[in-house]
C-alpha atoms as a PDB file:
ATOM      1  CA  MET A   1       5.700 -82.736 -33.559  1.00  0.00           C
ATOM      2  CA  THR A   2       4.996 -79.318 -34.709  1.00  0.00           C
ATOM      3  CA  GLY A   3       6.937 -77.340 -32.247  1.00  0.00           C
ATOM      4  CA  PHE A   4       3.896 -75.412 -30.641  1.00  0.00           C
ATOM      5  CA  THR A   5       0.782 -76.218 -28.769  1.00  0.00           C
ATOM      6  CA  ILE A   6      -2.995 -75.006 -29.789  1.00  0.00           C
ATOM      7  CA  LEU A   7      -4.455 -73.869 -26.128  1.00  0.00           C
ATOM      8  CA  ARG A   8      -7.880 -73.237 -27.292  1.00  0.00           C
ATOM      9  CA  THR A   9     -10.073 -71.926 -30.330  1.00  0.00           C
ATOM     10  CA  ASN A  10     -10.187 -68.323 -29.954  1.00  0.00           C
ATOM     11  CA  HIS A  11     -12.930 -67.174 -32.733  1.00  0.00           C
ATOM     12  CA  THR A  12     -14.245 -67.771 -35.957  1.00  0.00           C
ATOM     13  CA  GLY A  13     -14.310 -64.871 -38.352  1.00  0.00           C
ATOM     14  CA  ILE A  14     -17.108 -64.405 -40.888  1.00  0.00           C
ATOM     15  CA  THR A  15     -17.177 -61.521 -43.247  1.00  0.00           C
ATOM     16  CA  VAL A  16     -20.837 -60.058 -43.690  1.00  0.00           C
ATOM     17  CA  SER A  17     -21.968 -57.285 -45.696  1.00  0.00           C
ATOM     18  CA  ASP A  18     -23.680 -55.422 -42.692  1.00  0.00           C
ATOM     19  CA  VAL A  19     -22.266 -56.058 -39.232  1.00  0.00           C
ATOM     20  CA  GLU A  20     -25.235 -54.415 -37.494  1.00  0.00           C
ATOM     21  CA  MET A  21     -27.968 -56.434 -39.294  1.00  0.00           C
ATOM     22  CA  THR A  22     -25.858 -59.583 -38.551  1.00  0.00           C
ATOM     23  CA  LEU A  23     -25.392 -58.802 -35.210  1.00  0.00           C
ATOM     24  CA  GLY A  24     -29.290 -58.319 -34.640  1.00  0.00           C
ATOM     25  CA  PHE A  25     -29.693 -61.349 -36.520  1.00  0.00           C
ATOM     26  CA  PHE A  26     -27.542 -63.319 -33.904  1.00  0.00           C
ATOM     27  CA  ARG A  27     -28.946 -61.513 -31.129  1.00  0.00           C
ATOM     28  CA  ASP A  28     -32.948 -61.155 -31.697  1.00  0.00           C
ATOM     29  CA  VAL A  29     -33.259 -64.368 -33.604  1.00  0.00           C
ATOM     30  CA  LEU A  30     -31.015 -66.920 -32.128  1.00  0.00           C
ATOM     31  CA  GLY A  31     -30.679 -65.337 -28.731  1.00  0.00           C
ATOM     32  CA  PHE A  32     -26.658 -64.744 -28.259  1.00  0.00           C
ATOM     33  CA  GLU A  33     -25.178 -62.178 -26.401  1.00  0.00           C
ATOM     34  CA  THR A  34     -23.223 -59.600 -29.223  1.00  0.00           C
ATOM     35  CA  THR A  35     -20.902 -56.858 -28.549  1.00  0.00           C
ATOM     36  CA  GLU A  36     -20.801 -53.381 -29.576  1.00  0.00           C
ATOM     37  CA  ILE A  37     -19.287 -52.581 -32.897  1.00  0.00           C
ATOM     38  CA  VAL A  38     -15.504 -51.664 -33.090  1.00  0.00           C
ATOM     39  CA  HIS A  39     -14.223 -49.721 -36.136  1.00  0.00           C
ATOM     40  CA  GLN A  40     -10.522 -50.203 -36.999  1.00  0.00           C
ATOM     41  CA  LYS A  41      -8.589 -48.612 -40.178  1.00  0.00           C
ATOM     42  CA  GLY A  42      -4.645 -48.217 -40.800  1.00  0.00           C
ATOM     43  CA  GLU A  43      -1.731 -49.932 -41.567  1.00  0.00           C
ATOM     44  CA  MET A  44      -1.884 -52.445 -38.972  1.00  0.00           C
ATOM     45  CA  VAL A  45      -5.328 -53.761 -40.445  1.00  0.00           C
ATOM     46  CA  GLU A  46      -4.007 -53.507 -43.857  1.00  0.00           C
ATOM     47  CA  ASN A  47      -1.035 -55.761 -42.664  1.00  0.00           C
ATOM     48  CA  LEU A  48      -3.171 -58.079 -40.755  1.00  0.00           C
ATOM     49  CA  THR A  49      -5.955 -58.932 -43.311  1.00  0.00           C
ATOM     50  CA  GLY A  50      -3.543 -58.370 -46.457  1.00  0.00           C
ATOM     51  CA  VAL A  51      -6.333 -55.884 -47.667  1.00  0.00           C
ATOM     52  CA  PRO A  52      -5.088 -52.388 -48.829  1.00  0.00           C
ATOM     53  CA  GLY A  53      -6.774 -49.705 -47.681  1.00  0.00           C
ATOM     54  CA  ALA A  54      -8.693 -51.972 -45.352  1.00  0.00           C
ATOM     55  CA  GLU A  55     -11.280 -50.479 -42.870  1.00  0.00           C
ATOM     56  CA  VAL A  56     -13.542 -52.951 -40.923  1.00  0.00           C
ATOM     57  CA  LYS A  57     -16.287 -52.822 -38.584  1.00  0.00           C
ATOM     58  CA  LEU A  58     -16.399 -55.793 -36.120  1.00  0.00           C
ATOM     59  CA  GLY A  59     -18.870 -57.201 -33.987  1.00  0.00           C
ATOM     60  CA  TYR A  60     -18.799 -60.094 -31.792  1.00  0.00           C
ATOM     61  CA  VAL A  61     -21.161 -63.029 -30.974  1.00  0.00           C
ATOM     62  CA  ASP A  62     -20.693 -65.104 -27.549  1.00  0.00           C
ATOM     63  CA  MET A  63     -21.870 -68.427 -28.168  1.00  0.00           C
ATOM     64  CA  PRO A  64     -22.049 -71.471 -25.952  1.00  0.00           C
ATOM     65  CA  ASN A  65     -18.366 -72.669 -26.036  1.00  0.00           C
ATOM     66  CA  HIS A  66     -17.396 -70.633 -28.748  1.00  0.00           C
ATOM     67  CA  ARG A  67     -17.494 -66.641 -30.280  1.00  0.00           C
ATOM     68  CA  LEU A  68     -18.068 -65.583 -33.875  1.00  0.00           C
ATOM     69  CA  GLU A  69     -16.282 -62.463 -35.113  1.00  0.00           C
ATOM     70  CA  LEU A  70     -18.315 -60.566 -37.792  1.00  0.00           C
ATOM     71  CA  LEU A  71     -16.350 -58.304 -40.137  1.00  0.00           C
ATOM     72  CA  GLU A  72     -17.719 -55.638 -42.169  1.00  0.00           C
ATOM     73  CA  TYR A  73     -15.089 -54.335 -44.708  1.00  0.00           C
ATOM     74  CA  ILE A  74     -15.574 -50.558 -45.646  1.00  0.00           C
ATOM     75  CA  THR A  75     -13.404 -50.513 -49.343  1.00  0.00           C
ATOM     76  CA  LYS A  76     -13.528 -48.124 -51.995  1.00  0.00           C
ATOM     77  CA  ASP A  77     -13.452 -51.176 -54.308  1.00  0.00           C
ATOM     78  CA  GLY A  78     -16.625 -52.676 -53.489  1.00  0.00           C
ATOM     79  CA  ARG A  79     -17.666 -56.211 -52.049  1.00  0.00           C
ATOM     80  CA  LYS A  80     -18.672 -59.226 -53.286  1.00  0.00           C
ATOM     81  CA  VAL A  81     -21.042 -61.623 -51.585  1.00  0.00           C
ATOM     82  CA  SER A  82     -19.391 -65.367 -51.685  1.00  0.00           C
ATOM     83  CA  ASP A  83     -20.754 -67.541 -54.144  1.00  0.00           C
ATOM     84  CA  LEU A  84     -18.907 -70.586 -52.769  1.00  0.00           C
ATOM     85  CA  ARG A  85     -21.267 -73.911 -52.618  1.00  0.00           C
ATOM     86  CA  ASN A  86     -21.064 -76.291 -50.015  1.00  0.00           C
ATOM     87  CA  CYS A  87     -18.636 -78.400 -52.063  1.00  0.00           C
ATOM     88  CA  ASP A  88     -16.399 -75.862 -52.775  1.00  0.00           C
ATOM     89  CA  ALA A  89     -12.662 -75.444 -50.921  1.00  0.00           C
ATOM     90  CA  GLY A  90     -12.668 -72.747 -48.669  1.00  0.00           C
ATOM     91  CA  ALA A  91     -16.912 -72.819 -47.710  1.00  0.00           C
ATOM     92  CA  PHE A  92     -18.044 -73.606 -44.610  1.00  0.00           C
ATOM     93  CA  HIS A  93     -20.875 -73.526 -42.266  1.00  0.00           C
ATOM     94  CA  LEU A  94     -21.875 -72.971 -38.836  1.00  0.00           C
ATOM     95  CA  ALA A  95     -23.709 -75.706 -37.250  1.00  0.00           C
ATOM     96  CA  LEU A  96     -26.069 -75.285 -34.366  1.00  0.00           C
ATOM     97  CA  GLU A  97     -27.564 -77.983 -32.060  1.00  0.00           C
ATOM     98  CA  VAL A  98     -31.385 -77.080 -31.375  1.00  0.00           C
ATOM     99  CA  ASP A  99     -34.688 -78.460 -29.477  1.00  0.00           C
ATOM    100  CA  ASP A 100     -37.030 -77.841 -32.133  1.00  0.00           C
ATOM    101  CA  ILE A 101     -35.719 -77.997 -35.776  1.00  0.00           C
ATOM    102  CA  ASP A 102     -38.796 -76.893 -37.263  1.00  0.00           C
ATOM    103  CA  ALA A 103     -38.965 -73.533 -35.007  1.00  0.00           C
ATOM    104  CA  ALA A 104     -35.450 -72.990 -35.763  1.00  0.00           C
ATOM    105  CA  VAL A 105     -36.071 -73.013 -39.840  1.00  0.00           C
ATOM    106  CA  ALA A 106     -39.443 -70.933 -39.348  1.00  0.00           C
ATOM    107  CA  ALA A 107     -37.167 -68.236 -37.296  1.00  0.00           C
ATOM    108  CA  VAL A 108     -34.520 -67.873 -39.677  1.00  0.00           C
ATOM    109  CA  THR A 109     -35.991 -68.187 -42.607  1.00  0.00           C
ATOM    110  CA  GLN A 110     -38.006 -64.691 -41.623  1.00  0.00           C
ATOM    111  CA  SER A 111     -34.407 -63.202 -41.556  1.00  0.00           C
ATOM    112  CA  GLY A 112     -33.605 -64.092 -45.058  1.00  0.00           C
ATOM    113  CA  PHE A 113     -32.118 -67.667 -44.611  1.00  0.00           C
ATOM    114  CA  VAL A 114     -33.137 -69.938 -47.401  1.00  0.00           C
ATOM    115  CA  PRO A 115     -33.124 -73.668 -46.646  1.00  0.00           C
ATOM    116  CA  TYR A 116     -31.607 -76.180 -49.112  1.00  0.00           C
ATOM    117  CA  SER A 117     -34.182 -78.501 -48.646  1.00  0.00           C
ATOM    118  CA  ALA A 118     -36.684 -79.871 -45.540  1.00  0.00           C
ATOM    119  CA  PRO A 119     -34.728 -81.252 -42.494  1.00  0.00           C
ATOM    120  CA  GLN A 120     -33.193 -84.591 -43.703  1.00  0.00           C
ATOM    121  CA  THR A 121     -32.849 -87.789 -41.279  1.00  0.00           C
ATOM    122  CA  VAL A 122     -29.076 -88.613 -41.775  1.00  0.00           C
ATOM    123  CA  PRO A 123     -27.685 -92.139 -41.355  1.00  0.00           C
ATOM    124  CA  ASN A 124     -27.283 -91.983 -37.246  1.00  0.00           C
ATOM    125  CA  GLY A 125     -31.006 -90.802 -37.066  1.00  0.00           C
ATOM    126  CA  ASN A 126     -30.237 -87.073 -36.179  1.00  0.00           C
ATOM    127  CA  ARG A 127     -32.312 -84.715 -38.323  1.00  0.00           C
ATOM    128  CA  ASN A 128     -30.344 -81.933 -40.241  1.00  0.00           C
ATOM    129  CA  VAL A 129     -31.092 -78.894 -42.359  1.00  0.00           C
ATOM    130  CA  TYR A 130     -28.572 -76.425 -44.152  1.00  0.00           C
ATOM    131  CA  LEU A 131     -29.880 -72.764 -44.736  1.00  0.00           C
ATOM    132  CA  ARG A 132     -28.227 -69.875 -46.400  1.00  0.00           C
ATOM    133  CA  HIS A 133     -28.039 -66.434 -46.189  1.00  0.00           C
ATOM    134  CA  PRO A 134     -27.904 -63.830 -49.093  1.00  0.00           C
ATOM    135  CA  ASP A 135     -24.577 -62.928 -47.627  1.00  0.00           C
ATOM    136  CA  GLY A 136     -23.107 -66.475 -48.327  1.00  0.00           C
ATOM    137  CA  ILE A 137     -23.398 -67.692 -44.381  1.00  0.00           C
ATOM    138  CA  THR A 138     -24.637 -71.306 -44.256  1.00  0.00           C
ATOM    139  CA  ILE A 139     -26.067 -72.611 -40.994  1.00  0.00           C
ATOM    140  CA  GLU A 140     -26.705 -75.941 -40.211  1.00  0.00           C
ATOM    141  CA  PHE A 141     -29.280 -76.970 -37.366  1.00  0.00           C
ATOM    142  CA  GLN A 142     -29.394 -79.976 -36.065  1.00  0.00           C
ATOM    143  CA  ILE A 143     -31.567 -81.947 -33.478  1.00  0.00           C
ATOM    144  CA  THR A 144     -30.156 -85.053 -32.031  1.00  0.00           C
ATOM    145  CA  ALA A 145     -31.555 -88.567 -32.551  1.00  0.00           C
ATOM    146  CA  ASN A 146     -31.889 -88.938 -28.786  1.00  0.00           C
ATOM    147  CA  GLN A 147     -33.930 -85.487 -28.558  1.00  0.00           C
ATOM    148  CA  LEU A 148     -36.323 -87.245 -31.102  1.00  0.00           C
ATOM    149  CA  THR A 149     -37.024 -89.906 -28.934  1.00  0.00           C
END
């Protein structure tokens, strides 16, 4: 027994290089509602994030049954884009079920995402594809087998 209860998932945070650009992608390409950008800095942000001198611009993406928090760190020591591969510990991907996988791939490719391959048929009959953005964000599109029939 853990001694506490998880009530729900609140959000998933993703660090990006340009919060305005990434909010635009989620809003204009994927059609999600987005929020205004909030700027936070100071001791609370440093303590919360564990990043000395942290200054962060935050924006939120409201998705069906989930919320993304996009964080752009404004720091003097520079930033590095993650080079984690899908097999590396700490890597993650955002999986989205779509009604037209080819149209989804075409739309996000125009925004800088690069597919690892053409959509693949997996053992349960679904078609899936992983795409990676230059910021290191990986999105998976999936169309279920029952949508294909």
